[in-house]
Amino acid sequence: MSTRRISAFLVFLLLVTLMKEAKPVLGGKGGGKFSKLSNRVKELEESMEELGECKEACSMISELKERLTAVEGEIEELKKEPPTNPPTNPPPLAPECEGYKVLDSADRKNTYGMGNAACDNNMEEAWYRFTGAAGSKMPESSPNKNMCGTHAPGWLNGQHPSVAEGKVSRQVCFNWNSNSCNWQANIEVLNCDSFFIYKLVKPPACQLRYCGSD
């Protein structure tokens, strides 16, 4: 056998060895050996071309190169980190959501009777929050008269705003004399995300009082 044939035979044996090494790489289990194996396949192809023996062996090499290229593409895709959306910070709350007064007496709630018939005529115009035994917000429907610890209970004639709406103007109605809106007061309402606050004013008469509810 000529030296050329012997060299070709040895190169062919090397090809068979490389095909065995390629199995775990092509199966996705040898990613760390990919670059080294790919370089050896390239060197083998060049050796076969120099020997002029690029027949069946070169066909096997071409097939191996194509499969290795496909694996390389899959590896590169796996390396890419999935896109992540930047965290969205909630809009800052209005300063009024920290500097408010509290209305928390149980006799202010819409389920409480007339009691001592209190009046809010001494109320300072300011931002207030209903909390504790008084409930968490103003009712959006009229309580019966002689409730909320007074004669004419006050309720919010409209819906509470969302956070996005910011401060809104609303009307408070006071129920008396078979008229759920016998007296009115104009206030502001603000949604502080987890609670509401109200810029309340003195009612137009006595005995009128702002009500709380759950």
N, C-alpha and C. Protein backbone atom coordinates (compact mmCIF):
# COMPACT_ATOMS: atom_id res chain seq x y z
N MET A 1 0.86 -1.19 0.00
CA MET A 1 0.00 0.00 0.00
C MET A 1 0.90 1.24 0.00
N SER A 2 0.59 2.22 -0.86
CA SER A 2 1.41 3.42 -0.97
C SER A 2 1.27 4.28 0.28
N THR A 3 2.27 5.15 0.45
CA THR A 3 2.23 6.07 1.60
C THR A 3 0.97 6.94 1.54
N ARG A 4 0.56 7.34 0.33
CA ARG A 4 -0.63 8.19 0.17
C ARG A 4 -1.88 7.47 0.66
N ARG A 5 -1.95 6.13 0.30
CA ARG A 5 -3.11 5.35 0.72
C ARG A 5 -3.13 5.16 2.24
N ILE A 6 -1.93 4.91 2.79
CA ILE A 6 -1.85 4.72 4.24
C ILE A 6 -2.30 5.98 4.97
N SER A 7 -1.84 7.15 4.47
CA SER A 7 -2.23 8.42 5.09
C SER A 7 -3.73 8.62 5.02
N ALA A 8 -4.30 8.28 3.86
CA ALA A 8 -5.74 8.43 3.71
C ALA A 8 -6.49 7.52 4.65
N PHE A 9 -5.94 6.26 4.82
CA PHE A 9 -6.58 5.32 5.72
C PHE A 9 -6.54 5.82 7.16
N LEU A 10 -5.40 6.40 7.56
CA LEU A 10 -5.28 6.92 8.92
C LEU A 10 -6.23 8.11 9.14
N VAL A 11 -6.34 8.93 8.13
CA VAL A 11 -7.26 10.07 8.24
C VAL A 11 -8.70 9.58 8.36
N PHE A 12 -9.02 8.52 7.61
CA PHE A 12 -10.36 7.96 7.68
C PHE A 12 -10.67 7.42 9.09
N LEU A 13 -9.65 6.76 9.69
CA LEU A 13 -9.82 6.27 11.06
C LEU A 13 -10.07 7.43 12.03
N LEU A 14 -9.35 8.54 11.80
CA LEU A 14 -9.54 9.72 12.63
C LEU A 14 -10.96 10.25 12.49
N LEU A 15 -11.48 10.17 11.26
CA LEU A 15 -12.84 10.62 11.01
C LEU A 15 -13.83 9.78 11.81
N VAL A 16 -13.63 8.46 11.81
CA VAL A 16 -14.52 7.58 12.56
C VAL A 16 -14.47 7.92 14.04
N THR A 17 -13.28 8.21 14.57
CA THR A 17 -13.13 8.59 15.98
C THR A 17 -13.89 9.88 16.27
N LEU A 18 -13.75 10.85 15.36
CA LEU A 18 -14.43 12.13 15.54
C LEU A 18 -15.95 11.97 15.52
N MET A 19 -16.45 11.08 14.68
CA MET A 19 -17.89 10.85 14.63
C MET A 19 -18.39 10.33 15.98
N LYS A 20 -17.60 9.48 16.64
CA LYS A 20 -17.99 8.99 17.96
C LYS A 20 -17.99 10.12 18.99
N GLU A 21 -16.96 11.02 18.90
CA GLU A 21 -16.89 12.15 19.83
C GLU A 21 -18.03 13.13 19.58
N ALA A 22 -18.51 13.15 18.35
CA ALA A 22 -19.55 14.13 17.99
C ALA A 22 -20.91 13.77 18.55
N LYS A 23 -21.13 12.48 18.85
CA LYS A 23 -22.46 12.05 19.29
C LYS A 23 -22.97 12.81 20.51
N PRO A 24 -22.18 12.92 21.61
CA PRO A 24 -22.72 13.66 22.77
C PRO A 24 -22.92 15.14 22.48
N VAL A 25 -22.08 15.70 21.59
CA VAL A 25 -22.22 17.13 21.25
C VAL A 25 -23.51 17.35 20.48
N LEU A 26 -23.72 16.46 19.48
CA LEU A 26 -24.93 16.60 18.68
C LEU A 26 -26.17 16.30 19.49
N GLY A 27 -26.00 15.55 20.57
CA GLY A 27 -27.14 15.24 21.45
C GLY A 27 -27.36 16.27 22.52
N GLY A 28 -26.57 17.36 22.50
CA GLY A 28 -26.74 18.45 23.47
C GLY A 28 -26.11 18.18 24.81
N LYS A 29 -25.18 17.18 24.91
CA LYS A 29 -24.60 16.84 26.19
C LYS A 29 -23.12 17.20 26.29
N GLY A 30 -22.57 17.81 25.27
CA GLY A 30 -21.14 18.12 25.31
C GLY A 30 -20.83 19.49 24.79
N GLY A 31 -21.62 20.47 25.21
CA GLY A 31 -21.46 21.82 24.70
C GLY A 31 -20.07 22.38 24.90
N GLY A 32 -19.40 21.98 25.99
CA GLY A 32 -18.08 22.51 26.28
C GLY A 32 -17.03 22.03 25.30
N LYS A 33 -17.27 20.89 24.59
CA LYS A 33 -16.30 20.34 23.65
C LYS A 33 -16.58 20.79 22.22
N PHE A 34 -17.56 21.63 22.03
CA PHE A 34 -18.01 21.97 20.67
C PHE A 34 -16.91 22.63 19.86
N SER A 35 -16.27 23.66 20.38
CA SER A 35 -15.26 24.41 19.63
C SER A 35 -14.10 23.53 19.23
N LYS A 36 -13.63 22.70 20.17
CA LYS A 36 -12.49 21.82 19.91
C LYS A 36 -12.84 20.81 18.81
N LEU A 37 -14.01 20.21 18.87
CA LEU A 37 -14.44 19.23 17.89
C LEU A 37 -14.60 19.88 16.52
N SER A 38 -15.18 21.07 16.50
CA SER A 38 -15.38 21.78 15.24
C SER A 38 -14.05 22.07 14.55
N ASN A 39 -13.02 22.47 15.31
CA ASN A 39 -11.69 22.75 14.75
C ASN A 39 -11.05 21.48 14.20
N ARG A 40 -11.25 20.37 14.88
CA ARG A 40 -10.66 19.10 14.42
C ARG A 40 -11.32 18.63 13.14
N VAL A 41 -12.59 18.84 13.00
CA VAL A 41 -13.29 18.48 11.76
C VAL A 41 -12.76 19.30 10.60
N LYS A 42 -12.51 20.59 10.85
CA LYS A 42 -11.99 21.47 9.80
C LYS A 42 -10.60 21.02 9.36
N GLU A 43 -9.75 20.68 10.35
CA GLU A 43 -8.40 20.21 10.02
C GLU A 43 -8.45 18.91 9.24
N LEU A 44 -9.37 18.01 9.62
CA LEU A 44 -9.51 16.74 8.94
C LEU A 44 -9.92 16.94 7.49
N GLU A 45 -10.83 17.87 7.25
CA GLU A 45 -11.28 18.14 5.89
C GLU A 45 -10.14 18.65 5.03
N GLU A 46 -9.33 19.53 5.60
CA GLU A 46 -8.20 20.07 4.85
C GLU A 46 -7.19 18.98 4.52
N SER A 47 -6.97 18.04 5.48
CA SER A 47 -6.04 16.93 5.24
C SER A 47 -6.54 16.03 4.13
N MET A 48 -7.84 15.74 4.11
CA MET A 48 -8.41 14.89 3.07
C MET A 48 -8.30 15.54 1.71
N GLU A 49 -8.51 16.86 1.64
CA GLU A 49 -8.41 17.55 0.36
C GLU A 49 -6.97 17.53 -0.16
N GLU A 50 -6.00 17.67 0.75
CA GLU A 50 -4.59 17.63 0.35
C GLU A 50 -4.20 16.25 -0.18
N LEU A 51 -4.78 15.20 0.39
CA LEU A 51 -4.48 13.84 -0.04
C LEU A 51 -5.24 13.46 -1.31
N GLY A 52 -6.21 14.27 -1.69
CA GLY A 52 -6.99 13.97 -2.88
C GLY A 52 -7.93 12.80 -2.70
N GLU A 53 -8.30 12.50 -1.48
CA GLU A 53 -9.16 11.35 -1.19
C GLU A 53 -10.55 11.81 -0.73
N CYS A 54 -11.03 12.88 -1.27
CA CYS A 54 -12.29 13.46 -0.81
C CYS A 54 -13.47 12.83 -1.54
N LYS A 55 -13.76 11.59 -1.20
CA LYS A 55 -14.90 10.88 -1.79
C LYS A 55 -15.94 10.63 -0.71
N GLU A 56 -16.06 9.39 -0.31
CA GLU A 56 -17.03 9.05 0.74
C GLU A 56 -16.69 9.73 2.06
N ALA A 57 -15.37 9.79 2.37
CA ALA A 57 -14.94 10.41 3.62
C ALA A 57 -15.35 11.88 3.67
N CYS A 58 -15.14 12.59 2.56
CA CYS A 58 -15.49 14.02 2.53
C CYS A 58 -17.00 14.21 2.66
N SER A 59 -17.77 13.26 2.11
CA SER A 59 -19.22 13.35 2.25
C SER A 59 -19.63 13.23 3.72
N MET A 60 -18.94 12.33 4.46
CA MET A 60 -19.20 12.18 5.89
C MET A 60 -18.80 13.43 6.64
N ILE A 61 -17.66 14.02 6.22
CA ILE A 61 -17.20 15.25 6.87
C ILE A 61 -18.19 16.38 6.65
N SER A 62 -18.71 16.50 5.44
CA SER A 62 -19.67 17.57 5.13
C SER A 62 -20.93 17.43 5.97
N GLU A 63 -21.40 16.16 6.08
CA GLU A 63 -22.59 15.91 6.89
C GLU A 63 -22.34 16.29 8.35
N LEU A 64 -21.14 15.89 8.86
CA LEU A 64 -20.80 16.22 10.24
C LEU A 64 -20.72 17.72 10.46
N LYS A 65 -20.13 18.44 9.48
CA LYS A 65 -20.02 19.90 9.60
C LYS A 65 -21.40 20.55 9.65
N GLU A 66 -22.33 20.05 8.81
CA GLU A 66 -23.67 20.63 8.79
C GLU A 66 -24.37 20.42 10.14
N ARG A 67 -24.20 19.22 10.69
CA ARG A 67 -24.85 18.93 11.97
C ARG A 67 -24.22 19.74 13.10
N LEU A 68 -22.90 19.90 13.03
CA LEU A 68 -22.21 20.72 14.04
C LEU A 68 -22.62 22.18 13.95
N THR A 69 -22.81 22.66 12.72
CA THR A 69 -23.25 24.04 12.53
C THR A 69 -24.63 24.26 13.12
N ALA A 70 -25.51 23.27 12.93
CA ALA A 70 -26.86 23.37 13.49
C ALA A 70 -26.80 23.41 15.01
N VAL A 71 -25.94 22.56 15.59
CA VAL A 71 -25.80 22.54 17.04
C VAL A 71 -25.24 23.87 17.53
N GLU A 72 -24.28 24.42 16.78
CA GLU A 72 -23.69 25.71 17.17
C GLU A 72 -24.76 26.79 17.24
N GLY A 73 -25.68 26.78 16.25
CA GLY A 73 -26.76 27.76 16.26
C GLY A 73 -27.66 27.59 17.47
N GLU A 74 -27.95 26.33 17.83
CA GLU A 74 -28.79 26.08 19.00
C GLU A 74 -28.11 26.55 20.27
N ILE A 75 -26.79 26.30 20.36
CA ILE A 75 -26.04 26.74 21.54
C ILE A 75 -26.07 28.24 21.68
N GLU A 76 -25.90 28.96 20.55
CA GLU A 76 -25.92 30.43 20.60
C GLU A 76 -27.28 30.96 21.04
N GLU A 77 -28.35 30.29 20.59
CA GLU A 77 -29.69 30.71 20.99
C GLU A 77 -29.90 30.52 22.49
N LEU A 78 -29.36 29.40 23.02
CA LEU A 78 -29.50 29.14 24.44
C LEU A 78 -28.73 30.13 25.29
N LYS A 79 -27.65 30.68 24.73
CA LYS A 79 -26.83 31.64 25.47
C LYS A 79 -27.54 32.98 25.63
N LYS A 80 -28.45 33.26 24.70
CA LYS A 80 -29.14 34.55 24.74
C LYS A 80 -30.08 34.60 25.93
N GLU A 81 -30.01 35.67 26.68
CA GLU A 81 -30.90 35.83 27.82
C GLU A 81 -32.27 36.30 27.33
N PRO A 82 -33.33 35.76 27.90
CA PRO A 82 -34.66 36.21 27.48
C PRO A 82 -34.85 37.68 27.81
N PRO A 83 -35.57 38.42 26.97
CA PRO A 83 -35.79 39.84 27.26
C PRO A 83 -36.59 40.03 28.53
N THR A 84 -36.19 40.99 29.29
CA THR A 84 -36.90 41.28 30.54
C THR A 84 -37.47 42.69 30.47
N ASN A 85 -38.68 42.82 30.95
CA ASN A 85 -39.31 44.14 30.98
C ASN A 85 -38.80 44.91 32.19
N PRO A 86 -38.43 46.18 31.98
CA PRO A 86 -37.97 46.97 33.12
C PRO A 86 -39.07 47.11 34.16
N PRO A 87 -38.72 47.08 35.43
CA PRO A 87 -39.75 47.22 36.47
C PRO A 87 -40.46 48.57 36.38
N THR A 88 -41.74 48.52 36.56
CA THR A 88 -42.52 49.77 36.52
C THR A 88 -42.80 50.22 37.95
N ASN A 89 -42.40 51.41 38.22
CA ASN A 89 -42.63 51.97 39.56
C ASN A 89 -43.98 52.65 39.60
N PRO A 90 -44.75 52.43 40.65
CA PRO A 90 -46.05 53.10 40.76
C PRO A 90 -45.85 54.61 40.87
N PRO A 91 -46.81 55.39 40.36
CA PRO A 91 -46.68 56.83 40.46
C PRO A 91 -46.64 57.28 41.91
N PRO A 92 -45.86 58.30 42.22
CA PRO A 92 -45.79 58.76 43.61
C PRO A 92 -47.14 59.29 44.08
N LEU A 93 -47.44 59.05 45.34
CA LEU A 93 -48.71 59.51 45.89
C LEU A 93 -48.65 61.00 46.18
N ALA A 94 -49.82 61.62 46.16
CA ALA A 94 -49.91 63.06 46.44
C ALA A 94 -49.50 63.34 47.89
N PRO A 95 -48.93 64.50 48.15
CA PRO A 95 -48.51 64.82 49.52
C PRO A 95 -49.68 64.81 50.51
N GLU A 96 -50.89 65.08 50.02
CA GLU A 96 -52.06 65.06 50.90
C GLU A 96 -52.28 63.67 51.52
N CYS A 97 -51.75 62.63 50.88
CA CYS A 97 -51.94 61.27 51.37
C CYS A 97 -51.14 60.99 52.64
N GLU A 98 -50.35 61.95 53.07
CA GLU A 98 -49.59 61.78 54.31
C GLU A 98 -50.02 62.78 55.39
N GLY A 99 -50.49 63.93 54.98
CA GLY A 99 -50.84 64.94 55.98
C GLY A 99 -52.33 65.14 56.11
N TYR A 100 -53.02 64.19 56.70
CA TYR A 100 -54.48 64.27 56.83
C TYR A 100 -54.90 64.08 58.29
N LYS A 101 -56.14 64.47 58.58
CA LYS A 101 -56.73 64.25 59.90
C LYS A 101 -57.55 62.96 59.85
N VAL A 102 -57.87 62.42 61.01
CA VAL A 102 -58.54 61.13 61.10
C VAL A 102 -59.93 61.27 61.71
N LEU A 103 -60.90 60.61 61.11
CA LEU A 103 -62.26 60.48 61.66
C LEU A 103 -62.46 59.00 61.97
N ASP A 104 -62.49 58.65 63.27
CA ASP A 104 -62.50 57.23 63.62
C ASP A 104 -63.52 56.85 64.71
N SER A 105 -64.44 57.74 65.03
CA SER A 105 -65.40 57.43 66.10
C SER A 105 -66.51 56.52 65.58
N ALA A 106 -66.91 55.54 66.39
CA ALA A 106 -67.91 54.55 65.99
C ALA A 106 -69.26 55.17 65.68
N ASP A 107 -69.61 56.30 66.37
CA ASP A 107 -70.93 56.89 66.15
C ASP A 107 -71.04 57.63 64.82
N ARG A 108 -69.93 57.69 64.04
CA ARG A 108 -69.96 58.34 62.74
C ARG A 108 -70.31 57.34 61.62
N LYS A 109 -70.33 56.08 61.92
CA LYS A 109 -70.57 55.06 60.89
C LYS A 109 -72.05 55.02 60.50
N ASN A 110 -72.32 54.64 59.24
CA ASN A 110 -73.68 54.68 58.72
C ASN A 110 -74.60 53.62 59.33
N THR A 111 -74.05 52.72 60.12
CA THR A 111 -74.89 51.72 60.80
C THR A 111 -75.22 52.14 62.23
N TYR A 112 -74.70 53.29 62.65
CA TYR A 112 -74.94 53.78 64.02
C TYR A 112 -76.19 54.66 64.03
N GLY A 113 -76.96 54.63 65.09
CA GLY A 113 -78.19 55.43 65.18
C GLY A 113 -77.93 56.91 65.41
N MET A 114 -78.97 57.61 65.87
CA MET A 114 -78.87 59.06 66.04
C MET A 114 -77.96 59.44 67.21
N GLY A 115 -78.00 58.68 68.29
CA GLY A 115 -77.16 59.00 69.43
C GLY A 115 -77.48 60.38 69.99
N ASN A 116 -76.44 61.18 70.15
CA ASN A 116 -76.60 62.54 70.72
C ASN A 116 -76.82 63.60 69.65
N ALA A 117 -77.07 63.19 68.42
CA ALA A 117 -77.33 64.14 67.33
C ALA A 117 -76.22 65.18 67.21
N ALA A 118 -75.01 64.69 66.94
CA ALA A 118 -73.84 65.58 66.81
C ALA A 118 -73.91 66.36 65.50
N CYS A 119 -73.05 67.38 65.40
CA CYS A 119 -73.01 68.24 64.21
C CYS A 119 -71.54 68.55 63.87
N ASP A 120 -71.24 68.66 62.59
CA ASP A 120 -69.87 68.97 62.15
C ASP A 120 -69.68 70.46 61.89
N ASN A 121 -70.48 71.31 62.58
CA ASN A 121 -70.38 72.75 62.31
C ASN A 121 -69.07 73.35 62.80
N ASN A 122 -68.33 72.62 63.65
CA ASN A 122 -67.03 73.11 64.12
C ASN A 122 -65.87 72.46 63.35
N MET A 123 -66.19 71.78 62.29
CA MET A 123 -65.14 71.07 61.53
C MET A 123 -64.25 72.06 60.80
N GLU A 124 -62.93 71.86 60.91
CA GLU A 124 -61.96 72.68 60.19
C GLU A 124 -61.84 72.17 58.75
N GLU A 125 -61.80 73.09 57.78
CA GLU A 125 -61.63 72.66 56.39
C GLU A 125 -60.23 72.07 56.22
N ALA A 126 -60.19 70.78 55.92
CA ALA A 126 -58.91 70.07 55.81
C ALA A 126 -59.16 68.72 55.16
N TRP A 127 -58.06 67.96 54.95
CA TRP A 127 -58.17 66.60 54.40
C TRP A 127 -58.39 65.62 55.55
N TYR A 128 -59.37 64.73 55.38
CA TYR A 128 -59.73 63.76 56.41
C TYR A 128 -59.76 62.35 55.82
N ARG A 129 -59.46 61.41 56.69
CA ARG A 129 -59.56 59.98 56.33
C ARG A 129 -60.48 59.28 57.32
N PHE A 130 -61.44 58.50 56.80
CA PHE A 130 -62.27 57.65 57.65
C PHE A 130 -61.50 56.36 57.95
N THR A 131 -61.43 56.00 59.21
CA THR A 131 -60.68 54.79 59.58
C THR A 131 -61.23 54.23 60.89
N GLY A 132 -60.75 53.06 61.26
CA GLY A 132 -61.15 52.46 62.53
C GLY A 132 -62.65 52.15 62.59
N ALA A 133 -63.26 52.47 63.74
CA ALA A 133 -64.67 52.16 63.97
C ALA A 133 -65.60 52.99 63.10
N ALA A 134 -65.10 54.09 62.50
CA ALA A 134 -65.95 54.93 61.64
C ALA A 134 -66.09 54.36 60.23
N GLY A 135 -65.34 53.28 59.92
CA GLY A 135 -65.36 52.74 58.56
C GLY A 135 -64.13 53.18 57.78
N SER A 136 -64.14 52.94 56.49
CA SER A 136 -62.97 53.24 55.66
C SER A 136 -63.22 54.30 54.59
N LYS A 137 -64.50 54.64 54.34
CA LYS A 137 -64.80 55.64 53.31
C LYS A 137 -66.22 56.14 53.50
N MET A 138 -66.56 57.18 52.74
CA MET A 138 -67.93 57.70 52.79
C MET A 138 -68.86 56.80 51.99
N PRO A 139 -70.10 56.63 52.43
CA PRO A 139 -71.05 55.81 51.66
C PRO A 139 -71.43 56.53 50.36
N GLU A 140 -71.68 55.73 49.31
CA GLU A 140 -72.09 56.30 48.01
C GLU A 140 -73.60 56.24 47.83
N SER A 141 -74.28 55.82 48.86
CA SER A 141 -75.75 55.85 48.85
C SER A 141 -76.23 56.44 50.17
N SER A 142 -77.41 56.97 50.16
CA SER A 142 -77.91 57.71 51.31
C SER A 142 -78.24 56.81 52.50
N PRO A 143 -77.66 57.10 53.66
CA PRO A 143 -78.11 56.41 54.88
C PRO A 143 -79.50 56.95 55.26
N ASN A 144 -80.18 56.24 56.09
CA ASN A 144 -81.46 56.74 56.60
C ASN A 144 -81.21 57.96 57.48
N LYS A 145 -82.21 58.82 57.61
CA LYS A 145 -82.06 59.96 58.52
C LYS A 145 -81.93 59.43 59.95
N ASN A 146 -81.42 60.29 60.81
CA ASN A 146 -81.17 59.94 62.21
C ASN A 146 -80.19 58.76 62.36
N MET A 147 -79.21 58.73 61.47
CA MET A 147 -78.13 57.75 61.56
C MET A 147 -76.79 58.49 61.61
N CYS A 148 -75.71 57.78 61.80
CA CYS A 148 -74.36 58.36 61.86
C CYS A 148 -74.21 59.31 63.05
N GLY A 149 -75.01 59.11 64.10
CA GLY A 149 -74.90 59.95 65.28
C GLY A 149 -75.42 61.36 65.08
N THR A 150 -76.37 61.54 64.14
CA THR A 150 -76.88 62.89 63.86
C THR A 150 -78.30 62.79 63.30
N HIS A 151 -78.88 63.97 62.97
CA HIS A 151 -80.21 63.99 62.34
C HIS A 151 -80.10 63.76 60.83
N ALA A 152 -79.23 64.54 60.17
CA ALA A 152 -79.13 64.49 58.71
C ALA A 152 -77.74 63.97 58.30
N PRO A 153 -77.60 62.69 57.99
CA PRO A 153 -76.30 62.10 57.64
C PRO A 153 -75.85 62.50 56.24
N GLY A 154 -74.56 62.74 56.11
CA GLY A 154 -74.00 63.14 54.82
C GLY A 154 -73.38 61.96 54.08
N TRP A 155 -73.60 61.87 52.76
CA TRP A 155 -73.09 60.77 51.93
C TRP A 155 -72.56 61.32 50.62
N LEU A 156 -71.71 60.55 49.95
CA LEU A 156 -71.05 60.99 48.71
C LEU A 156 -71.97 60.75 47.53
N ASN A 157 -72.38 61.82 46.88
CA ASN A 157 -73.27 61.74 45.73
C ASN A 157 -72.43 61.56 44.45
N GLY A 158 -71.89 60.38 44.27
CA GLY A 158 -71.02 60.09 43.13
C GLY A 158 -70.05 58.98 43.48
N GLN A 159 -69.27 58.55 42.51
CA GLN A 159 -68.33 57.46 42.74
C GLN A 159 -66.98 57.98 43.25
N HIS A 160 -66.28 57.12 43.95
CA HIS A 160 -64.92 57.45 44.37
C HIS A 160 -63.99 57.39 43.16
N PRO A 161 -62.97 58.23 43.13
CA PRO A 161 -62.07 58.26 41.97
C PRO A 161 -61.03 57.15 42.01
N SER A 162 -60.40 56.89 40.87
CA SER A 162 -59.26 56.00 40.80
C SER A 162 -58.00 56.79 41.14
N VAL A 163 -56.89 56.10 41.32
CA VAL A 163 -55.62 56.78 41.60
C VAL A 163 -55.25 57.69 40.44
N ALA A 164 -55.47 57.21 39.21
CA ALA A 164 -55.09 57.97 38.02
C ALA A 164 -55.88 59.27 37.89
N GLU A 165 -57.08 59.31 38.41
CA GLU A 165 -57.91 60.50 38.28
C GLU A 165 -57.41 61.64 39.17
N GLY A 166 -56.65 61.34 40.20
CA GLY A 166 -56.17 62.39 41.08
C GLY A 166 -57.29 62.98 41.91
N LYS A 167 -57.14 64.25 42.27
CA LYS A 167 -58.17 64.93 43.06
C LYS A 167 -59.39 65.25 42.19
N VAL A 168 -60.56 64.94 42.71
CA VAL A 168 -61.79 65.23 41.98
C VAL A 168 -62.76 65.99 42.89
N SER A 169 -63.63 66.74 42.27
CA SER A 169 -64.68 67.45 43.01
C SER A 169 -65.91 66.57 43.11
N ARG A 170 -66.50 66.55 44.29
CA ARG A 170 -67.71 65.75 44.49
C ARG A 170 -68.69 66.53 45.37
N GLN A 171 -69.93 66.11 45.29
CA GLN A 171 -70.98 66.72 46.12
C GLN A 171 -71.35 65.76 47.24
N VAL A 172 -71.47 66.30 48.45
CA VAL A 172 -71.99 65.54 49.58
C VAL A 172 -73.43 65.98 49.81
N CYS A 173 -74.31 64.99 49.91
CA CYS A 173 -75.72 65.29 50.19
C CYS A 173 -76.05 64.88 51.62
N PHE A 174 -76.97 65.63 52.25
CA PHE A 174 -77.41 65.34 53.61
C PHE A 174 -78.90 64.98 53.58
N ASN A 175 -79.21 63.81 54.08
CA ASN A 175 -80.57 63.27 54.01
C ASN A 175 -81.43 63.80 55.17
N TRP A 176 -82.52 64.46 54.79
CA TRP A 176 -83.46 64.97 55.80
C TRP A 176 -84.79 65.31 55.15
N ASN A 177 -85.83 65.15 55.94
CA ASN A 177 -87.16 65.60 55.52
C ASN A 177 -87.60 64.92 54.22
N SER A 178 -87.37 63.59 54.15
CA SER A 178 -87.75 62.78 52.98
C SER A 178 -87.03 63.20 51.71
N ASN A 179 -85.91 63.89 51.86
CA ASN A 179 -85.11 64.33 50.71
C ASN A 179 -83.66 63.89 50.97
N SER A 180 -83.17 62.91 50.17
CA SER A 180 -81.83 62.39 50.40
C SER A 180 -80.74 63.43 50.12
N CYS A 181 -81.13 64.52 49.44
CA CYS A 181 -80.14 65.58 49.15
C CYS A 181 -80.73 66.93 49.57
N ASN A 182 -81.22 66.98 50.79
CA ASN A 182 -81.87 68.20 51.27
C ASN A 182 -80.89 69.36 51.40
N TRP A 183 -79.65 69.06 51.82
CA TRP A 183 -78.56 70.04 51.83
C TRP A 183 -77.37 69.46 51.06
N GLN A 184 -76.52 70.34 50.60
CA GLN A 184 -75.36 69.90 49.83
C GLN A 184 -74.08 70.63 50.31
N ALA A 185 -72.97 69.97 50.11
CA ALA A 185 -71.65 70.59 50.37
C ALA A 185 -70.70 70.09 49.29
N ASN A 186 -69.88 70.99 48.76
CA ASN A 186 -68.91 70.63 47.72
C ASN A 186 -67.55 70.31 48.37
N ILE A 187 -67.03 69.14 48.07
CA ILE A 187 -65.76 68.72 48.67
C ILE A 187 -64.82 68.22 47.57
N GLU A 188 -63.63 67.81 47.95
CA GLU A 188 -62.69 67.14 47.05
C GLU A 188 -62.39 65.75 47.61
N VAL A 189 -62.12 64.81 46.70
CA VAL A 189 -61.81 63.43 47.09
C VAL A 189 -60.53 63.01 46.38
N LEU A 190 -59.70 62.25 47.08
CA LEU A 190 -58.43 61.79 46.52
C LEU A 190 -58.22 60.32 46.88
N ASN A 191 -57.86 59.55 45.86
CA ASN A 191 -57.55 58.13 46.06
C ASN A 191 -56.06 57.98 46.37
N CYS A 192 -55.75 57.48 47.57
CA CYS A 192 -54.36 57.28 47.99
C CYS A 192 -53.95 55.82 47.84
N ASP A 193 -54.47 55.16 46.85
CA ASP A 193 -54.17 53.77 46.51
C ASP A 193 -54.86 52.77 47.43
N SER A 194 -54.55 52.79 48.71
CA SER A 194 -55.15 51.83 49.63
C SER A 194 -56.24 52.46 50.50
N PHE A 195 -56.46 53.76 50.35
CA PHE A 195 -57.52 54.44 51.11
C PHE A 195 -57.89 55.74 50.42
N PHE A 196 -58.97 56.35 50.88
CA PHE A 196 -59.44 57.63 50.33
C PHE A 196 -59.32 58.72 51.39
N ILE A 197 -59.10 59.93 50.92
CA ILE A 197 -59.16 61.08 51.81
C ILE A 197 -60.10 62.13 51.19
N TYR A 198 -60.65 62.97 52.07
CA TYR A 198 -61.69 63.93 51.65
C TYR A 198 -61.35 65.30 52.21
N LYS A 199 -61.43 66.30 51.35
CA LYS A 199 -61.26 67.67 51.83
C LYS A 199 -62.65 68.18 52.21
N LEU A 200 -62.95 68.08 53.50
CA LEU A 200 -64.29 68.39 53.99
C LEU A 200 -64.39 69.85 54.44
N VAL A 201 -65.61 70.36 54.35
CA VAL A 201 -65.90 71.74 54.77
C VAL A 201 -67.02 71.70 55.80
N LYS A 202 -67.27 72.81 56.45
CA LYS A 202 -68.38 72.87 57.42
C LYS A 202 -69.70 72.64 56.69
N PRO A 203 -70.57 71.81 57.24
CA PRO A 203 -71.89 71.61 56.63
C PRO A 203 -72.70 72.91 56.65
N PRO A 204 -73.69 73.03 55.78
CA PRO A 204 -74.46 74.27 55.68
C PRO A 204 -75.44 74.49 56.84
N ALA A 205 -75.63 73.51 57.72
CA ALA A 205 -76.59 73.68 58.82
C ALA A 205 -76.29 72.64 59.90
N CYS A 206 -77.08 72.61 60.93
CA CYS A 206 -77.03 71.59 61.99
C CYS A 206 -78.44 71.01 62.14
N GLN A 207 -78.62 69.73 62.55
CA GLN A 207 -77.55 68.79 62.86
C GLN A 207 -77.20 67.98 61.61
N LEU A 208 -76.07 68.31 60.96
CA LEU A 208 -75.59 67.63 59.78
C LEU A 208 -74.20 67.05 60.10
N ARG A 209 -73.93 65.85 59.56
CA ARG A 209 -72.66 65.20 59.87
C ARG A 209 -72.23 64.27 58.73
N TYR A 210 -70.92 64.26 58.47
CA TYR A 210 -70.38 63.37 57.44
C TYR A 210 -70.32 61.93 57.96
N CYS A 211 -70.80 61.00 57.14
CA CYS A 211 -70.88 59.59 57.52
C CYS A 211 -69.69 58.79 56.98
N GLY A 212 -69.37 57.72 57.69
CA GLY A 212 -68.40 56.73 57.23
C GLY A 212 -69.08 55.41 56.96
N SER A 213 -68.41 54.52 56.22
CA SER A 213 -68.96 53.19 55.92
C SER A 213 -67.80 52.24 55.61
N ASP A 214 -68.12 50.96 55.49
CA ASP A 214 -67.11 49.97 55.10
C ASP A 214 -66.94 49.95 53.60
